[in-house]
Amino acid sequence: MTYFLVVGVTVAVFAILALSLNIIAGYAGQPHLGQAAFFGLGAYTAAILSTRYGVSFWLDLPAALIVAGLVGVILGVISLRLARDFLAITTIGINFVMVAIFQYVPFFGGAMGIPAIPSPAIAGHEFGYRDFFVTAVVLVIMVAALSAYLERTWFGAALKAIKDDEQAAAAVGIQVASYKIAAFVLGTALAGLAGGFYAHFMSVVTPNGFGFPVSVSILSMLVFGGLGTIRGALAGAVLLGIMPEVFRFISNYRLLVYGFLLLFMVRFQPQGIVGEDSWLVHQIGRLAGSLRTGGARRDTAGG
């Protein structure tokens, strides 16, 4: 049972990360290949506050969100001056720079990282695996609900307009710069939230846990499931999160497998498995339509 709870928590953390990246890359259309850097920033923020300053989980978690979001402002400003291809390369560089800072700056614990991160507690009850799992599911629901709310607001509509055509969006009065920065701030802040929770769950953070391969994994989940959709982010996180456990015999080649999956999806199903206009969604729609038609015919015949 413990094994399944650990896998469940890990999948939930990656679901939050996929949803957070979806705000930047899916809604706003900004290529971001360094989300793991902000995941790590949130984790280290929570680790430092809890181990060195005695801050509780319930306070260092929002602090992790805020710190990651504030640093995300820098990335948002950078995005205003770079074309999309160069922005993608820049975000990769940011990921490597952040990992180097974690690894070589003594304040962050160096290569050994920061150990002995305390578990959260409520009324003297220390969290076990089941408590972590329940909390992780609640966080996923909250982030998914936030994403669903954004889709229905002017903010979400503005981001999608910017994704389709920045010049056209600006022509109808959308403040492109402000919305792009806001997307980066919100997306990176949620990654920091996932990092803060993950730090307490793992009880130790090390630089290697937030390298570029993790960013590739997050992007793979989003593209595989369906870029720009909540269900796509969740489906990709679940399927690719479980896959390494099912196929442990190829665990050393995970990035290679993810690379092939990305190539396959981009070539044959760029909408993702459950994204907008994907083959699977069309088939489900046809099946639902057939069932409704059949039910209507039976009602007519019965009448």
Protein backbone atom coordinates (compact mmCIF):
# COMPACT_ATOMS: atom_id res chain seq x y z
CA MET A 1 0.00 0.00 0.00
CA THR A 2 2.84 2.37 0.83
CA TYR A 3 4.31 1.90 -2.64
CA PHE A 4 1.05 2.92 -4.33
CA LEU A 5 0.70 5.96 -2.10
CA VAL A 6 4.23 7.11 -2.95
CA VAL A 7 3.55 6.70 -6.66
CA GLY A 8 0.24 8.51 -6.24
CA VAL A 9 1.86 11.48 -4.53
CA THR A 10 4.56 11.67 -7.19
CA VAL A 11 1.98 11.59 -9.98
CA ALA A 12 -0.04 14.30 -8.21
CA VAL A 13 3.03 16.55 -7.94
CA PHE A 14 3.69 16.16 -11.65
CA ALA A 15 0.03 16.84 -12.36
CA ILE A 16 0.41 20.21 -10.60
CA LEU A 17 3.57 20.88 -12.60
CA ALA A 18 1.85 19.99 -15.89
CA LEU A 19 -1.08 22.24 -15.04
CA SER A 20 1.30 25.06 -14.10
CA LEU A 21 3.20 24.75 -17.39
CA ASN A 22 -0.10 24.62 -19.26
CA ILE A 23 -0.85 28.19 -18.18
CA ILE A 24 2.38 29.40 -19.77
CA ALA A 25 2.76 27.11 -22.77
CA GLY A 26 -0.83 25.95 -23.30
CA TYR A 27 -2.87 29.10 -22.70
CA ALA A 28 -0.32 31.83 -23.50
CA GLY A 29 1.64 29.83 -26.08
CA GLN A 30 5.05 30.71 -24.62
CA PRO A 31 7.73 28.01 -25.07
CA HIS A 32 9.07 27.27 -21.60
CA LEU A 33 11.60 24.47 -21.17
CA GLY A 34 12.82 25.31 -17.69
CA GLN A 35 9.85 24.70 -15.39
CA ALA A 36 11.94 22.37 -13.21
CA ALA A 37 14.01 25.39 -12.13
CA PHE A 38 10.97 26.93 -10.44
CA PHE A 39 9.96 23.54 -9.08
CA GLY A 40 13.39 23.43 -7.45
CA LEU A 41 13.20 27.04 -6.28
CA GLY A 42 10.00 26.28 -4.40
CA ALA A 43 11.50 23.11 -2.93
CA TYR A 44 14.64 24.87 -1.71
CA THR A 45 12.61 27.76 -0.30
CA ALA A 46 10.53 25.39 1.80
CA ALA A 47 13.59 23.35 2.79
CA ILE A 48 15.59 26.36 3.96
CA LEU A 49 12.71 27.98 5.83
CA SER A 50 11.74 24.77 7.62
CA THR A 51 15.20 23.43 8.52
CA ARG A 52 17.05 26.65 9.34
CA TYR A 53 14.36 29.01 10.55
CA GLY A 54 11.78 26.62 11.98
CA VAL A 55 8.97 27.82 9.72
CA SER A 56 6.05 25.40 9.59
CA PHE A 57 4.86 23.66 6.45
CA TRP A 58 1.70 25.74 6.39
CA LEU A 59 3.75 28.95 6.11
CA ASP A 60 6.72 27.83 4.01
CA LEU A 61 4.39 26.36 1.34
CA PRO A 62 2.87 29.75 0.41
CA ALA A 63 6.36 31.25 0.75
CA ALA A 64 7.61 28.77 -1.87
CA LEU A 65 4.77 29.83 -4.15
CA ILE A 66 5.55 33.53 -3.69
CA VAL A 67 9.32 33.23 -4.18
CA ALA A 68 8.95 31.18 -7.37
CA GLY A 69 6.36 33.63 -8.67
CA LEU A 70 8.56 36.64 -7.98
CA VAL A 71 11.47 35.08 -9.86
CA GLY A 72 8.96 34.24 -12.60
CA VAL A 73 8.52 37.99 -13.13
CA ILE A 74 12.10 38.08 -14.43
CA LEU A 75 11.35 35.32 -16.92
CA GLY A 76 8.18 37.10 -17.97
CA VAL A 77 10.08 40.32 -18.67
CA ILE A 78 12.69 38.38 -20.63
CA SER A 79 9.91 36.84 -22.75
CA LEU A 80 8.91 40.31 -23.95
CA ARG A 81 12.24 40.82 -25.70
CA LEU A 82 12.78 37.40 -27.24
CA ALA A 83 11.22 35.59 -30.15
CA ARG A 84 9.71 32.23 -29.24
CA ASP A 85 12.63 30.12 -30.46
CA PHE A 86 15.14 32.18 -28.50
CA LEU A 87 12.86 32.18 -25.46
CA ALA A 88 12.84 28.38 -25.47
CA ILE A 89 16.65 28.32 -25.53
CA THR A 90 16.80 30.95 -22.77
CA THR A 91 14.52 28.94 -20.48
CA ILE A 92 16.77 25.90 -20.96
CA GLY A 93 19.72 28.05 -19.91
CA ILE A 94 17.83 29.30 -16.85
CA ASN A 95 17.26 25.71 -15.78
CA PHE A 96 20.99 24.90 -15.98
CA VAL A 97 21.90 28.12 -14.17
CA MET A 98 19.50 27.42 -11.30
CA VAL A 99 20.80 23.87 -10.87
CA ALA A 100 24.37 25.20 -10.84
CA ILE A 101 23.43 27.71 -8.14
CA PHE A 102 21.82 24.98 -6.05
CA GLN A 103 24.89 22.79 -6.48
CA TYR A 104 27.76 25.23 -5.98
CA VAL A 105 26.45 27.93 -3.65
CA PRO A 106 27.03 26.80 -0.03
CA PHE A 107 23.82 28.48 1.15
CA PHE A 108 21.85 25.84 -0.75
CA GLY A 109 23.75 22.92 0.71
CA GLY A 110 25.96 22.17 -2.28
CA ALA A 111 25.84 18.82 -4.04
CA MET A 112 24.50 17.11 -0.92
CA GLY A 113 21.46 19.36 -0.84
CA ILE A 114 19.38 19.96 2.29
CA PRO A 115 18.36 16.91 4.34
CA ALA A 116 16.11 16.36 7.38
CA ILE A 117 13.18 18.42 6.13
CA PRO A 118 10.42 17.89 8.70
CA SER A 119 7.06 16.39 7.82
CA PRO A 120 3.96 18.57 8.17
CA ALA A 121 1.85 18.16 11.29
CA ILE A 122 -1.70 19.00 12.34
CA ALA A 123 -2.51 19.21 16.05
CA GLY A 124 0.57 17.15 16.86
CA HIS A 125 -0.21 14.50 14.25
CA GLU A 126 2.72 14.08 11.85
CA PHE A 127 1.86 13.37 8.24
CA GLY A 128 2.13 9.80 6.97
CA TYR A 129 1.99 8.64 3.37
CA ARG A 130 -1.80 8.61 3.35
CA ASP A 131 -1.91 12.20 4.63
CA PHE A 132 0.54 13.31 1.96
CA PHE A 133 -1.55 11.60 -0.71
CA VAL A 134 -4.80 13.23 0.43
CA THR A 135 -3.12 16.65 0.60
CA ALA A 136 -1.60 16.16 -2.85
CA VAL A 137 -4.99 15.29 -4.34
CA VAL A 138 -6.53 18.37 -2.72
CA LEU A 139 -3.77 20.55 -4.21
CA VAL A 140 -4.33 19.04 -7.66
CA ILE A 141 -8.07 19.73 -7.41
CA MET A 142 -7.40 23.32 -6.33
CA VAL A 143 -4.95 23.98 -9.18
CA ALA A 144 -7.26 22.33 -11.71
CA ALA A 145 -10.18 24.42 -10.42
CA LEU A 146 -8.07 27.56 -10.76
CA SER A 147 -7.18 26.60 -14.34
CA ALA A 148 -10.84 25.96 -15.14
CA TYR A 149 -11.74 29.36 -13.69
CA LEU A 150 -9.06 31.06 -15.78
CA GLU A 151 -10.43 29.45 -18.94
CA ARG A 152 -13.79 31.14 -18.36
CA THR A 153 -12.44 34.62 -17.54
CA TRP A 154 -11.21 37.51 -19.64
CA PHE A 155 -7.69 36.66 -18.48
CA GLY A 156 -7.87 33.21 -20.07
CA ALA A 157 -9.44 34.58 -23.25
CA ALA A 158 -6.67 37.18 -23.49
CA LEU A 159 -3.95 34.56 -23.10
CA LYS A 160 -5.47 32.44 -25.87
CA ALA A 161 -5.70 35.49 -28.11
CA ILE A 162 -2.01 36.20 -27.49
CA LYS A 163 -1.21 32.58 -28.31
CA ASP A 164 -3.05 32.82 -31.64
CA ASP A 165 -1.69 36.20 -32.75
CA GLU A 166 0.04 38.74 -30.51
CA GLN A 167 -0.37 41.60 -32.97
CA ALA A 168 -4.07 40.97 -33.41
CA ALA A 169 -4.48 40.72 -29.62
CA ALA A 170 -2.74 44.06 -29.16
CA ALA A 171 -4.91 45.60 -31.89
CA VAL A 172 -8.10 44.83 -29.95
CA GLY A 173 -6.73 46.42 -26.77
CA ILE A 174 -5.15 43.51 -24.92
CA GLN A 175 -2.09 44.54 -22.92
CA VAL A 176 0.12 41.78 -24.30
CA ALA A 177 3.14 42.49 -22.10
CA SER A 178 1.13 42.53 -18.87
CA TYR A 179 -0.71 39.31 -19.66
CA LYS A 180 2.43 37.46 -20.71
CA ILE A 181 4.19 38.44 -17.49
CA ALA A 182 1.12 37.47 -15.47
CA ALA A 183 1.07 34.03 -17.15
CA PHE A 184 4.70 33.43 -16.26
CA VAL A 185 4.18 34.60 -12.69
CA LEU A 186 1.16 32.37 -12.14
CA GLY A 187 2.68 29.33 -13.87
CA THR A 188 6.01 29.54 -12.06
CA ALA A 189 4.32 30.24 -8.71
CA LEU A 190 2.30 27.03 -8.99
CA ALA A 191 5.49 25.14 -9.84
CA GLY A 192 6.97 26.57 -6.64
CA LEU A 193 3.93 25.34 -4.73
CA ALA A 194 4.54 21.83 -6.08
CA GLY A 195 8.20 22.12 -5.11
CA GLY A 196 7.46 23.17 -1.55
CA PHE A 197 5.12 20.24 -1.05
CA TYR A 198 7.56 17.82 -2.72
CA ALA A 199 10.41 18.92 -0.44
CA HIS A 200 8.47 17.97 2.68
CA PHE A 201 7.31 14.72 1.12
CA MET A 202 10.83 13.64 0.16
CA SER A 203 12.40 15.12 3.35
CA VAL A 204 15.51 16.01 1.31
CA VAL A 205 16.25 18.16 -1.74
CA THR A 206 19.27 17.83 -4.02
CA PRO A 207 20.23 19.76 -7.17
CA ASN A 208 19.93 16.74 -9.47
CA GLY A 209 16.24 16.45 -8.70
CA PHE A 210 15.44 19.65 -10.61
CA GLY A 211 17.60 19.41 -13.71
CA PHE A 212 16.65 19.86 -17.35
CA PRO A 213 15.49 16.22 -17.72
CA VAL A 214 12.71 17.01 -15.23
CA SER A 215 11.62 19.95 -17.39
CA VAL A 216 11.54 17.62 -20.39
CA SER A 217 9.38 15.19 -18.43
CA ILE A 218 6.89 17.93 -17.50
CA LEU A 219 6.67 19.17 -21.08
CA SER A 220 6.28 15.60 -22.35
CA MET A 221 3.34 15.03 -20.03
CA LEU A 222 1.63 18.17 -21.26
CA VAL A 223 2.21 17.52 -24.97
CA PHE A 224 1.32 13.84 -24.66
CA GLY A 225 -1.95 14.56 -22.86
CA GLY A 226 -3.01 17.62 -24.81
CA LEU A 227 -1.52 21.11 -24.74
CA GLY A 228 -3.90 23.83 -23.66
CA THR A 229 -6.38 21.57 -21.84
CA ILE A 230 -6.79 20.63 -18.19
CA ARG A 231 -7.71 17.05 -18.99
CA GLY A 232 -4.62 16.78 -21.19
CA ALA A 233 -2.30 17.93 -18.41
CA LEU A 234 -3.87 15.51 -15.95
CA ALA A 235 -3.96 12.56 -18.37
CA GLY A 236 -0.35 13.12 -19.42
CA ALA A 237 0.83 13.33 -15.82
CA VAL A 238 -0.98 10.15 -14.85
CA LEU A 239 0.06 8.08 -17.87
CA LEU A 240 3.69 9.19 -18.07
CA GLY A 241 3.94 9.28 -14.28
CA ILE A 242 2.91 5.64 -14.01
CA MET A 243 4.85 4.47 -17.07
CA PRO A 244 8.30 4.46 -15.38
CA GLU A 245 6.88 2.22 -12.66
CA VAL A 246 5.28 -0.19 -15.13
CA PHE A 247 8.32 -0.30 -17.40
CA ARG A 248 11.13 -0.21 -14.86
CA PHE A 249 13.31 -2.27 -17.18
CA ILE A 250 13.70 0.78 -19.45
CA SER A 251 14.05 3.33 -16.64
CA ASN A 252 17.59 4.20 -17.76
CA TYR A 253 16.21 5.19 -21.15
CA ARG A 254 13.29 7.29 -19.93
CA LEU A 255 14.38 10.46 -21.73
CA LEU A 256 14.89 8.51 -24.94
CA VAL A 257 11.38 7.08 -24.64
CA TYR A 258 9.95 10.53 -23.87
CA GLY A 259 11.78 11.91 -26.91
CA PHE A 260 10.25 9.30 -29.20
CA LEU A 261 6.83 9.95 -27.68
CA LEU A 262 7.16 13.68 -28.33
CA LEU A 263 8.22 13.10 -31.92
CA PHE A 264 5.38 10.66 -32.46
CA MET A 265 2.77 12.98 -30.94
CA VAL A 266 3.99 16.06 -32.80
CA ARG A 267 4.00 14.16 -36.09
CA PHE A 268 0.81 12.13 -35.85
CA GLN A 269 -1.30 13.60 -33.03
CA PRO A 270 -0.17 17.14 -32.15
CA GLN A 271 -3.39 17.69 -30.21
CA GLY A 272 -2.35 15.03 -27.66
CA ILE A 273 -4.35 11.98 -26.71
CA VAL A 274 -7.23 13.94 -25.12
CA GLY A 275 -6.53 17.46 -26.35
CA GLU A 276 -8.84 19.60 -28.45
CA ASP A 277 -9.78 17.84 -31.73
CA SER A 278 -7.75 14.75 -30.84
CA TRP A 279 -8.66 11.40 -32.38
CA LEU A 280 -9.72 9.91 -29.04
CA VAL A 281 -11.95 12.87 -28.18
CA HIS A 282 -13.59 12.61 -31.61
CA GLN A 283 -14.25 8.89 -31.09
CA ILE A 284 -15.73 9.49 -27.66
CA GLY A 285 -17.90 12.25 -29.12
CA ARG A 286 -19.13 9.93 -31.88
CA LEU A 287 -19.90 7.17 -29.40
CA ALA A 288 -21.79 9.56 -27.15
CA GLY A 289 -23.71 10.87 -30.15
CA SER A 290 -24.61 7.33 -31.23
CA LEU A 291 -25.85 6.49 -27.74
CA ARG A 292 -27.99 9.63 -27.63
CA THR A 293 -29.41 8.92 -31.09
CA GLY A 294 -30.16 5.32 -30.17
CA GLY A 295 -31.86 6.40 -26.95
CA ALA A 296 -33.95 8.97 -28.83
CA ARG A 297 -35.06 6.36 -31.36
CA ARG A 298 -36.10 3.96 -28.61
CA ASP A 299 -38.09 6.72 -26.91
CA THR A 300 -39.81 7.58 -30.21
CA ALA A 301 -40.60 3.95 -30.90
CA GLY A 302 -41.93 3.46 -27.39
CA GLY A 303 -44.11 6.55 -27.72
